[in-house]
């Protein structure tokens, strides 16, 4: 019985960390970030700040996707070369 309770507690703690941010929440976070930088709402600089945050986020996603895509690819070695980290 204790093991079951412990398993439920651990799994609920694990799932509590899996939260999704809605687009509206992300926009609010980005808005607060740009305002904290000193930009004023309804200015070109504020809009540019919001755009740059979104572009940075997309670039980060692309980078993580590319890293995951090539992570499990076999490494071909030619000429008996062996990397130092093996």
N, C-alpha and C. Protein backbone atom coordinates (compact mmCIF):
# COMPACT_ATOMS: atom_id res chain seq x y z
N UNK A 1 0.81 -1.19 0.00
CA UNK A 1 0.00 0.00 0.00
C UNK A 1 0.86 1.26 0.00
N UNK A 2 1.96 1.23 0.78
CA UNK A 2 2.86 2.37 0.82
C UNK A 2 3.53 2.60 -0.53
N UNK A 3 3.86 1.49 -1.20
CA UNK A 3 4.50 1.62 -2.51
C UNK A 3 3.56 2.26 -3.51
N UNK A 4 2.29 1.91 -3.45
CA UNK A 4 1.29 2.49 -4.35
C UNK A 4 1.13 3.98 -4.06
N UNK A 5 1.09 4.34 -2.80
CA UNK A 5 0.96 5.75 -2.44
C UNK A 5 2.19 6.54 -2.88
N UNK A 6 3.35 5.95 -2.71
CA UNK A 6 4.58 6.61 -3.13
C UNK A 6 4.61 6.78 -4.64
N UNK A 7 4.18 5.76 -5.37
CA UNK A 7 4.16 5.84 -6.83
C UNK A 7 3.19 6.92 -7.30
N UNK A 8 2.05 7.01 -6.67
CA UNK A 8 1.07 8.05 -7.03
C UNK A 8 1.62 9.43 -6.72
N UNK A 9 2.26 9.58 -5.59
CA UNK A 9 2.83 10.86 -5.20
C UNK A 9 3.93 11.29 -6.16
N UNK A 10 4.80 10.38 -6.51
CA UNK A 10 5.91 10.69 -7.42
C UNK A 10 5.38 11.03 -8.82
N UNK A 11 4.43 10.23 -9.31
CA UNK A 11 3.90 10.51 -10.65
C UNK A 11 3.12 11.82 -10.69
N UNK A 12 2.40 12.16 -9.63
CA UNK A 12 1.68 13.43 -9.63
C UNK A 12 2.65 14.61 -9.55
N UNK A 13 3.73 14.45 -8.81
CA UNK A 13 4.74 15.51 -8.76
C UNK A 13 5.41 15.68 -10.12
N UNK A 14 5.64 14.57 -10.80
CA UNK A 14 6.25 14.63 -12.13
C UNK A 14 5.31 15.31 -13.12
N UNK A 15 4.05 14.95 -13.10
CA UNK A 15 3.08 15.53 -14.03
C UNK A 15 2.79 16.99 -13.72
N UNK A 16 2.94 17.40 -12.50
CA UNK A 16 2.72 18.80 -12.14
C UNK A 16 3.74 19.70 -12.82
N UNK A 17 4.91 19.18 -13.11
CA UNK A 17 5.94 19.95 -13.79
C UNK A 17 5.69 20.09 -15.28
N UNK A 18 4.78 19.32 -15.84
CA UNK A 18 4.47 19.36 -17.27
C UNK A 18 3.32 20.32 -17.50
N UNK A 19 3.64 21.57 -17.67
CA UNK A 19 2.60 22.56 -17.92
C UNK A 19 2.81 23.15 -19.31
N UNK A 20 1.72 23.57 -19.91
CA UNK A 20 1.76 24.17 -21.23
C UNK A 20 1.36 25.63 -21.11
N UNK A 21 2.09 26.48 -21.78
CA UNK A 21 1.78 27.90 -21.78
C UNK A 21 0.95 28.19 -23.01
N UNK A 22 -0.19 28.81 -22.82
CA UNK A 22 -1.05 29.16 -23.95
C UNK A 22 -0.43 30.35 -24.69
N UNK A 23 -0.82 30.55 -25.95
CA UNK A 23 -0.30 31.71 -26.68
C UNK A 23 -0.59 33.04 -25.99
N UNK A 24 -1.73 33.13 -25.34
CA UNK A 24 -2.07 34.37 -24.62
C UNK A 24 -1.14 34.59 -23.43
N UNK A 25 -0.85 33.51 -22.71
CA UNK A 25 0.08 33.62 -21.58
C UNK A 25 1.48 33.98 -22.07
N UNK A 26 1.90 33.39 -23.18
CA UNK A 26 3.23 33.70 -23.73
C UNK A 26 3.30 35.16 -24.15
N UNK A 27 2.24 35.66 -24.76
CA UNK A 27 2.20 37.07 -25.18
C UNK A 27 2.30 37.98 -23.96
N UNK A 28 1.61 37.62 -22.88
CA UNK A 28 1.67 38.43 -21.66
C UNK A 28 3.08 38.42 -21.07
N UNK A 29 3.72 37.27 -21.10
CA UNK A 29 5.10 37.17 -20.59
C UNK A 29 6.03 38.02 -21.45
N UNK A 30 5.88 37.91 -22.78
CA UNK A 30 6.71 38.71 -23.69
C UNK A 30 6.46 40.21 -23.49
N UNK A 31 5.19 40.58 -23.29
CA UNK A 31 4.85 41.98 -23.08
C UNK A 31 5.52 42.51 -21.82
N UNK A 32 5.44 41.73 -20.73
CA UNK A 32 6.10 42.15 -19.48
C UNK A 32 7.61 42.27 -19.67
N UNK A 33 8.19 41.35 -20.45
CA UNK A 33 9.63 41.40 -20.70
C UNK A 33 10.00 42.69 -21.42
N UNK A 34 9.27 43.01 -22.50
CA UNK A 34 9.58 44.23 -23.26
C UNK A 34 9.34 45.49 -22.43
N UNK A 35 8.28 45.49 -21.62
CA UNK A 35 8.03 46.63 -20.75
C UNK A 35 9.14 46.78 -19.71
N UNK A 36 9.68 45.65 -19.22
CA UNK A 36 10.77 45.73 -18.24
C UNK A 36 12.05 46.26 -18.87
N UNK A 37 12.17 46.13 -20.18
CA UNK A 37 13.33 46.70 -20.89
C UNK A 37 13.19 48.20 -21.09
N UNK A 38 11.99 48.73 -20.80
CA UNK A 38 11.78 50.16 -20.91
C UNK A 38 11.02 50.59 -22.15
N UNK A 39 10.55 49.66 -22.96
CA UNK A 39 9.79 50.01 -24.15
C UNK A 39 8.37 50.37 -23.76
N UNK A 40 7.78 51.30 -24.48
CA UNK A 40 6.41 51.74 -24.24
C UNK A 40 5.48 51.05 -25.22
N UNK A 41 4.28 50.70 -24.73
CA UNK A 41 3.28 50.07 -25.59
C UNK A 41 2.95 50.97 -26.78
N UNK A 42 2.56 50.32 -27.87
CA UNK A 42 2.13 51.00 -29.10
C UNK A 42 3.23 51.84 -29.72
N UNK A 43 4.49 51.40 -29.57
CA UNK A 43 5.60 52.04 -30.27
C UNK A 43 6.26 51.02 -31.17
N UNK A 44 7.02 51.50 -32.14
CA UNK A 44 7.73 50.59 -33.04
C UNK A 44 8.76 49.75 -32.28
N UNK A 45 9.41 50.37 -31.31
CA UNK A 45 10.43 49.65 -30.54
C UNK A 45 9.81 48.50 -29.74
N UNK A 46 8.62 48.73 -29.19
CA UNK A 46 7.91 47.69 -28.43
C UNK A 46 7.54 46.53 -29.37
N UNK A 47 7.01 46.86 -30.54
CA UNK A 47 6.66 45.84 -31.52
C UNK A 47 7.88 45.06 -31.97
N UNK A 48 8.97 45.74 -32.18
CA UNK A 48 10.21 45.08 -32.58
C UNK A 48 10.70 44.15 -31.48
N UNK A 49 10.56 44.56 -30.24
CA UNK A 49 10.95 43.72 -29.11
C UNK A 49 10.13 42.44 -29.08
N UNK A 50 8.81 42.57 -29.24
CA UNK A 50 7.94 41.39 -29.25
C UNK A 50 8.31 40.46 -30.40
N UNK A 51 8.55 41.04 -31.57
CA UNK A 51 8.92 40.25 -32.74
C UNK A 51 10.23 39.52 -32.51
N UNK A 52 11.22 40.20 -31.94
CA UNK A 52 12.52 39.58 -31.71
C UNK A 52 12.43 38.44 -30.71
N UNK A 53 11.61 38.59 -29.68
CA UNK A 53 11.43 37.50 -28.72
C UNK A 53 10.83 36.27 -29.40
N UNK A 54 9.85 36.48 -30.27
CA UNK A 54 9.22 35.36 -30.98
C UNK A 54 10.21 34.71 -31.95
N UNK A 55 10.97 35.52 -32.66
CA UNK A 55 11.96 34.97 -33.59
C UNK A 55 13.04 34.17 -32.86
N UNK A 56 13.46 34.67 -31.71
CA UNK A 56 14.45 33.95 -30.90
C UNK A 56 13.88 32.61 -30.43
N UNK A 57 12.62 32.60 -30.03
CA UNK A 57 11.99 31.37 -29.57
C UNK A 57 11.89 30.35 -30.72
N UNK A 58 11.53 30.83 -31.91
CA UNK A 58 11.45 29.92 -33.06
C UNK A 58 12.82 29.37 -33.45
N UNK A 59 13.84 30.21 -33.39
CA UNK A 59 15.20 29.75 -33.70
C UNK A 59 15.65 28.69 -32.69
N UNK A 60 15.31 28.88 -31.44
CA UNK A 60 15.66 27.91 -30.40
C UNK A 60 14.95 26.58 -30.66
N UNK A 61 13.67 26.63 -31.04
CA UNK A 61 12.94 25.40 -31.36
C UNK A 61 13.58 24.66 -32.54
N UNK A 62 13.94 25.43 -33.59
CA UNK A 62 14.58 24.81 -34.75
C UNK A 62 15.90 24.16 -34.38
N UNK A 63 16.66 24.83 -33.55
CA UNK A 63 17.95 24.30 -33.12
C UNK A 63 17.77 23.00 -32.34
N UNK A 64 16.80 22.98 -31.40
CA UNK A 64 16.56 21.76 -30.63
C UNK A 64 16.07 20.63 -31.52
N UNK A 65 15.23 20.95 -32.51
CA UNK A 65 14.73 19.93 -33.43
C UNK A 65 15.88 19.34 -34.24
N UNK A 66 16.77 20.18 -34.75
CA UNK A 66 17.89 19.69 -35.53
C UNK A 66 18.83 18.84 -34.69
N UNK A 67 19.03 19.20 -33.44
CA UNK A 67 19.88 18.40 -32.56
C UNK A 67 19.25 17.04 -32.30
N UNK A 68 17.93 17.00 -32.10
CA UNK A 68 17.26 15.73 -31.87
C UNK A 68 17.27 14.87 -33.12
N UNK A 69 17.18 15.50 -34.28
CA UNK A 69 17.11 14.78 -35.53
C UNK A 69 18.39 14.01 -35.81
N UNK A 70 19.53 14.55 -35.44
CA UNK A 70 20.81 13.92 -35.74
C UNK A 70 21.43 13.19 -34.56
N UNK A 71 20.76 13.18 -33.42
CA UNK A 71 21.33 12.60 -32.22
C UNK A 71 21.59 11.09 -32.36
N UNK A 72 20.70 10.35 -32.96
CA UNK A 72 20.82 8.90 -33.03
C UNK A 72 21.37 8.39 -34.36
N UNK A 73 21.99 9.26 -35.12
CA UNK A 73 22.57 8.85 -36.39
C UNK A 73 23.90 8.16 -36.14
N UNK A 74 24.19 7.09 -36.89
CA UNK A 74 25.49 6.43 -36.71
C UNK A 74 26.63 7.32 -37.22
N UNK A 75 27.77 7.19 -36.59
CA UNK A 75 28.93 7.96 -37.00
C UNK A 75 29.84 7.05 -37.83
N UNK A 76 30.14 7.49 -39.04
CA UNK A 76 31.03 6.72 -39.90
C UNK A 76 32.45 7.25 -39.74
N UNK A 77 33.36 6.35 -39.50
CA UNK A 77 34.76 6.72 -39.33
C UNK A 77 35.56 6.13 -40.47
N UNK A 78 36.44 6.93 -41.04
CA UNK A 78 37.27 6.49 -42.16
C UNK A 78 38.74 6.54 -41.77
N UNK A 79 39.51 5.61 -42.27
CA UNK A 79 40.95 5.64 -42.06
C UNK A 79 41.39 5.33 -40.64
N UNK A 80 40.57 4.68 -39.85
CA UNK A 80 40.98 4.31 -38.51
C UNK A 80 40.98 5.46 -37.52
N UNK A 81 40.47 6.61 -37.91
CA UNK A 81 40.41 7.75 -37.01
C UNK A 81 39.42 7.46 -35.89
N UNK A 82 39.82 7.76 -34.66
CA UNK A 82 38.94 7.57 -33.52
C UNK A 82 38.96 8.86 -32.70
N UNK A 83 37.80 9.47 -32.47
CA UNK A 83 37.77 10.72 -31.69
C UNK A 83 38.29 10.50 -30.27
N UNK A 84 38.80 11.55 -29.68
CA UNK A 84 39.38 11.47 -28.34
C UNK A 84 38.34 11.19 -27.26
N UNK A 85 37.07 11.55 -27.50
CA UNK A 85 36.06 11.39 -26.46
C UNK A 85 35.48 10.00 -26.40
N UNK A 86 35.93 9.06 -27.23
CA UNK A 86 35.41 7.69 -27.19
C UNK A 86 36.19 6.87 -26.24
